[in-house]
Structure formats: C-alpha cells, structure tokens
Amino acid sequence: MSVSPAPVVSPSLLVSIAATPWLVAIVTLNTASGLLEQLGLASEEIFRGDRLPVLHLPVSESSSTDRNPS
C-alpha cells in the first residue's frame, strides 16, 4: 500500500492567499465608489443655480409690434 505524500502547502493557506486579492479589490472598489459619490455631490454644489452670479443681459428695445412689414 502506497501512502500519498502530504501536500507541500495546506489547501486552507492556498484559499486564504487566493481570497486576499479579492477582499482588497472589494474594499478598494467600495472606497472608490464612496469617493466618486462625494465628488459628484461636491460638483453639484458648485454648479447649483443659487450660487452662480446673476447676469444682467441688455434688453433689446425693438419688439415684434414695432417691426414694419415689408
């Protein structure tokens, strides 16, 4: 009867090594998502209408009733 040799590296160690990049990626994507959401909210605050200056445009003195039909 032959006895199979013990594995060099335990399977649980291999699983933990393989899971580490996935966990790092999930945490990184979650953090990046939160930062992008905060950036979007900040850009909305910048471009809100109540914070933009009021532009006083010149009003044209000619109206549609003053035109001469030709």
N, C-alpha and C. Protein backbone atom coordinates (compact mmCIF):
# COMPACT_ATOMS: atom_id res chain seq x y z
N MET A 1 0.84 -1.16 0.00
CA MET A 1 0.00 0.00 0.00
C MET A 1 0.89 1.23 0.00
N SER A 2 0.60 2.13 -0.98
CA SER A 2 1.43 3.34 -1.03
C SER A 2 0.70 4.49 -0.35
N VAL A 3 1.46 5.26 0.33
CA VAL A 3 0.90 6.39 1.06
C VAL A 3 1.20 7.64 0.24
N SER A 4 0.16 8.43 -0.01
CA SER A 4 0.39 9.65 -0.79
C SER A 4 1.12 10.66 0.08
N PRO A 5 2.01 11.39 -0.53
CA PRO A 5 2.78 12.37 0.25
C PRO A 5 1.88 13.51 0.70
N ALA A 6 2.21 14.08 1.83
CA ALA A 6 1.46 15.22 2.35
C ALA A 6 1.68 16.42 1.44
N PRO A 7 0.64 17.25 1.22
CA PRO A 7 0.83 18.41 0.34
C PRO A 7 1.86 19.37 0.94
N VAL A 8 2.59 20.01 0.05
CA VAL A 8 3.63 20.94 0.49
C VAL A 8 3.01 22.14 1.18
N VAL A 9 1.92 22.62 0.62
CA VAL A 9 1.22 23.78 1.18
C VAL A 9 -0.20 23.35 1.47
N SER A 10 -0.69 23.70 2.63
CA SER A 10 -2.04 23.27 3.00
C SER A 10 -3.08 23.97 2.14
N PRO A 11 -4.16 23.32 1.82
CA PRO A 11 -5.22 23.92 0.99
C PRO A 11 -5.84 25.15 1.64
N SER A 12 -5.96 25.18 2.94
CA SER A 12 -6.53 26.36 3.59
C SER A 12 -5.64 27.58 3.40
N LEU A 13 -4.33 27.39 3.37
CA LEU A 13 -3.42 28.50 3.11
C LEU A 13 -3.57 28.99 1.68
N LEU A 14 -3.74 28.07 0.76
CA LEU A 14 -3.94 28.46 -0.64
C LEU A 14 -5.23 29.25 -0.83
N VAL A 15 -6.28 28.82 -0.16
CA VAL A 15 -7.56 29.53 -0.25
C VAL A 15 -7.43 30.93 0.34
N SER A 16 -6.75 31.05 1.46
CA SER A 16 -6.60 32.38 2.07
C SER A 16 -5.74 33.29 1.20
N ILE A 17 -4.73 32.73 0.56
CA ILE A 17 -3.89 33.54 -0.34
C ILE A 17 -4.69 33.97 -1.57
N ALA A 18 -5.55 33.08 -2.07
CA ALA A 18 -6.36 33.42 -3.25
C ALA A 18 -7.47 34.41 -2.90
N ALA A 19 -7.95 34.41 -1.67
CA ALA A 19 -9.05 35.29 -1.28
C ALA A 19 -8.57 36.71 -0.97
N THR A 20 -7.33 36.85 -0.60
CA THR A 20 -6.82 38.17 -0.20
C THR A 20 -6.95 39.22 -1.31
N PRO A 21 -6.54 38.94 -2.55
CA PRO A 21 -6.71 39.97 -3.60
C PRO A 21 -8.17 40.34 -3.83
N TRP A 22 -9.08 39.36 -3.71
CA TRP A 22 -10.50 39.65 -3.89
C TRP A 22 -11.00 40.57 -2.80
N LEU A 23 -10.60 40.33 -1.58
CA LEU A 23 -11.03 41.19 -0.47
C LEU A 23 -10.48 42.60 -0.62
N VAL A 24 -9.23 42.70 -1.03
CA VAL A 24 -8.62 44.02 -1.25
C VAL A 24 -9.35 44.74 -2.37
N ALA A 25 -9.68 44.03 -3.43
CA ALA A 25 -10.39 44.65 -4.56
C ALA A 25 -11.77 45.14 -4.14
N ILE A 26 -12.48 44.35 -3.34
CA ILE A 26 -13.82 44.75 -2.90
C ILE A 26 -13.74 45.99 -2.03
N VAL A 27 -12.80 46.03 -1.10
CA VAL A 27 -12.66 47.20 -0.22
C VAL A 27 -12.24 48.42 -1.03
N THR A 28 -11.34 48.24 -1.98
CA THR A 28 -10.89 49.36 -2.82
C THR A 28 -12.03 49.90 -3.67
N LEU A 29 -12.81 49.04 -4.29
CA LEU A 29 -13.93 49.49 -5.11
C LEU A 29 -15.00 50.18 -4.27
N ASN A 30 -15.22 49.67 -3.07
CA ASN A 30 -16.20 50.30 -2.18
C ASN A 30 -15.73 51.70 -1.79
N THR A 31 -14.47 51.85 -1.46
CA THR A 31 -13.92 53.15 -1.10
C THR A 31 -13.95 54.10 -2.29
N ALA A 32 -13.56 53.61 -3.47
CA ALA A 32 -13.56 54.45 -4.67
C ALA A 32 -14.98 54.88 -5.02
N SER A 33 -15.94 53.99 -4.84
CA SER A 33 -17.34 54.33 -5.11
C SER A 33 -17.81 55.44 -4.19
N GLY A 34 -17.48 55.34 -2.92
CA GLY A 34 -17.85 56.39 -1.97
C GLY A 34 -17.20 57.73 -2.30
N LEU A 35 -15.93 57.69 -2.69
CA LEU A 35 -15.23 58.93 -3.04
C LEU A 35 -15.83 59.56 -4.29
N LEU A 36 -16.18 58.75 -5.28
CA LEU A 36 -16.78 59.28 -6.50
C LEU A 36 -18.17 59.87 -6.21
N GLU A 37 -18.90 59.26 -5.32
CA GLU A 37 -20.20 59.79 -4.95
C GLU A 37 -20.05 61.15 -4.25
N GLN A 38 -19.07 61.26 -3.36
CA GLN A 38 -18.82 62.53 -2.68
C GLN A 38 -18.36 63.59 -3.68
N LEU A 39 -17.55 63.19 -4.66
CA LEU A 39 -17.10 64.13 -5.70
C LEU A 39 -18.28 64.62 -6.52
N GLY A 40 -19.20 63.73 -6.84
CA GLY A 40 -20.39 64.12 -7.59
C GLY A 40 -21.26 65.09 -6.81
N LEU A 41 -21.43 64.84 -5.52
CA LEU A 41 -22.22 65.75 -4.69
C LEU A 41 -21.54 67.12 -4.59
N ALA A 42 -20.22 67.12 -4.48
CA ALA A 42 -19.49 68.39 -4.40
C ALA A 42 -19.61 69.17 -5.71
N SER A 43 -19.56 68.47 -6.84
CA SER A 43 -19.69 69.17 -8.12
C SER A 43 -21.10 69.71 -8.31
N GLU A 44 -22.11 69.01 -7.78
CA GLU A 44 -23.47 69.54 -7.84
C GLU A 44 -23.57 70.84 -7.04
N GLU A 45 -22.90 70.90 -5.90
CA GLU A 45 -22.94 72.11 -5.08
C GLU A 45 -22.28 73.27 -5.81
N ILE A 46 -21.23 72.99 -6.57
CA ILE A 46 -20.54 74.06 -7.30
C ILE A 46 -21.45 74.63 -8.38
N PHE A 47 -22.17 73.77 -9.07
CA PHE A 47 -22.96 74.21 -10.21
C PHE A 47 -24.43 74.47 -9.89
N ARG A 48 -24.76 74.60 -8.62
CA ARG A 48 -26.14 74.94 -8.27
C ARG A 48 -26.44 76.36 -8.71
N GLY A 49 -27.67 76.60 -9.12
CA GLY A 49 -28.04 77.89 -9.68
C GLY A 49 -28.01 79.03 -8.68
N ASP A 50 -28.25 78.77 -7.42
CA ASP A 50 -28.31 79.88 -6.47
C ASP A 50 -26.93 80.41 -6.12
N ARG A 51 -25.89 79.74 -6.52
CA ARG A 51 -24.54 80.22 -6.22
C ARG A 51 -23.87 80.85 -7.43
N LEU A 52 -24.53 80.80 -8.57
CA LEU A 52 -23.98 81.42 -9.76
C LEU A 52 -24.32 82.90 -9.77
N PRO A 53 -23.48 83.72 -10.38
CA PRO A 53 -23.79 85.16 -10.42
C PRO A 53 -24.97 85.44 -11.35
N VAL A 54 -25.69 86.50 -11.06
CA VAL A 54 -26.82 86.91 -11.89
C VAL A 54 -26.26 87.72 -13.05
N LEU A 55 -26.60 87.33 -14.26
CA LEU A 55 -26.14 88.05 -15.44
C LEU A 55 -27.25 88.97 -15.92
N HIS A 56 -26.97 90.25 -15.92
CA HIS A 56 -27.94 91.23 -16.39
C HIS A 56 -27.72 91.44 -17.88
N LEU A 57 -28.59 90.83 -18.68
CA LEU A 57 -28.47 90.93 -20.12
C LEU A 57 -29.20 92.17 -20.61
N PRO A 58 -28.65 92.83 -21.61
CA PRO A 58 -29.34 94.01 -22.15
C PRO A 58 -30.64 93.61 -22.84
N VAL A 59 -31.68 94.37 -22.60
CA VAL A 59 -32.97 94.11 -23.21
C VAL A 59 -33.04 94.88 -24.51
N SER A 60 -33.39 94.19 -25.59
CA SER A 60 -33.46 94.88 -26.87
C SER A 60 -34.68 95.79 -26.87
N GLU A 61 -34.54 96.98 -27.42
CA GLU A 61 -35.62 97.97 -27.39
C GLU A 61 -36.65 97.74 -28.48
N SER A 62 -36.31 97.01 -29.50
CA SER A 62 -37.29 96.73 -30.55
C SER A 62 -38.09 95.51 -30.17
N SER A 63 -39.39 95.60 -30.37
CA SER A 63 -40.24 94.45 -30.08
C SER A 63 -40.90 94.00 -31.38
N SER A 64 -41.64 92.94 -31.32
CA SER A 64 -42.25 92.39 -32.52
C SER A 64 -43.34 93.31 -33.07
N THR A 65 -43.97 94.18 -32.26
CA THR A 65 -45.01 95.09 -32.73
C THR A 65 -44.42 96.31 -33.43
N ASP A 66 -43.15 96.63 -33.19
CA ASP A 66 -42.54 97.81 -33.80
C ASP A 66 -42.00 97.53 -35.19
N ARG A 67 -41.97 96.31 -35.63
CA ARG A 67 -41.40 95.98 -36.92
C ARG A 67 -42.36 96.39 -38.03
N ASN A 68 -41.78 96.88 -39.08
CA ASN A 68 -42.56 97.28 -40.26
C ASN A 68 -42.63 96.11 -41.23
N PRO A 69 -43.82 95.62 -41.55
CA PRO A 69 -43.90 94.52 -42.54
C PRO A 69 -43.57 95.06 -43.93
N SER A 70 -42.68 94.37 -44.60
CA SER A 70 -42.29 94.83 -45.94
C SER A 70 -42.57 93.78 -46.96
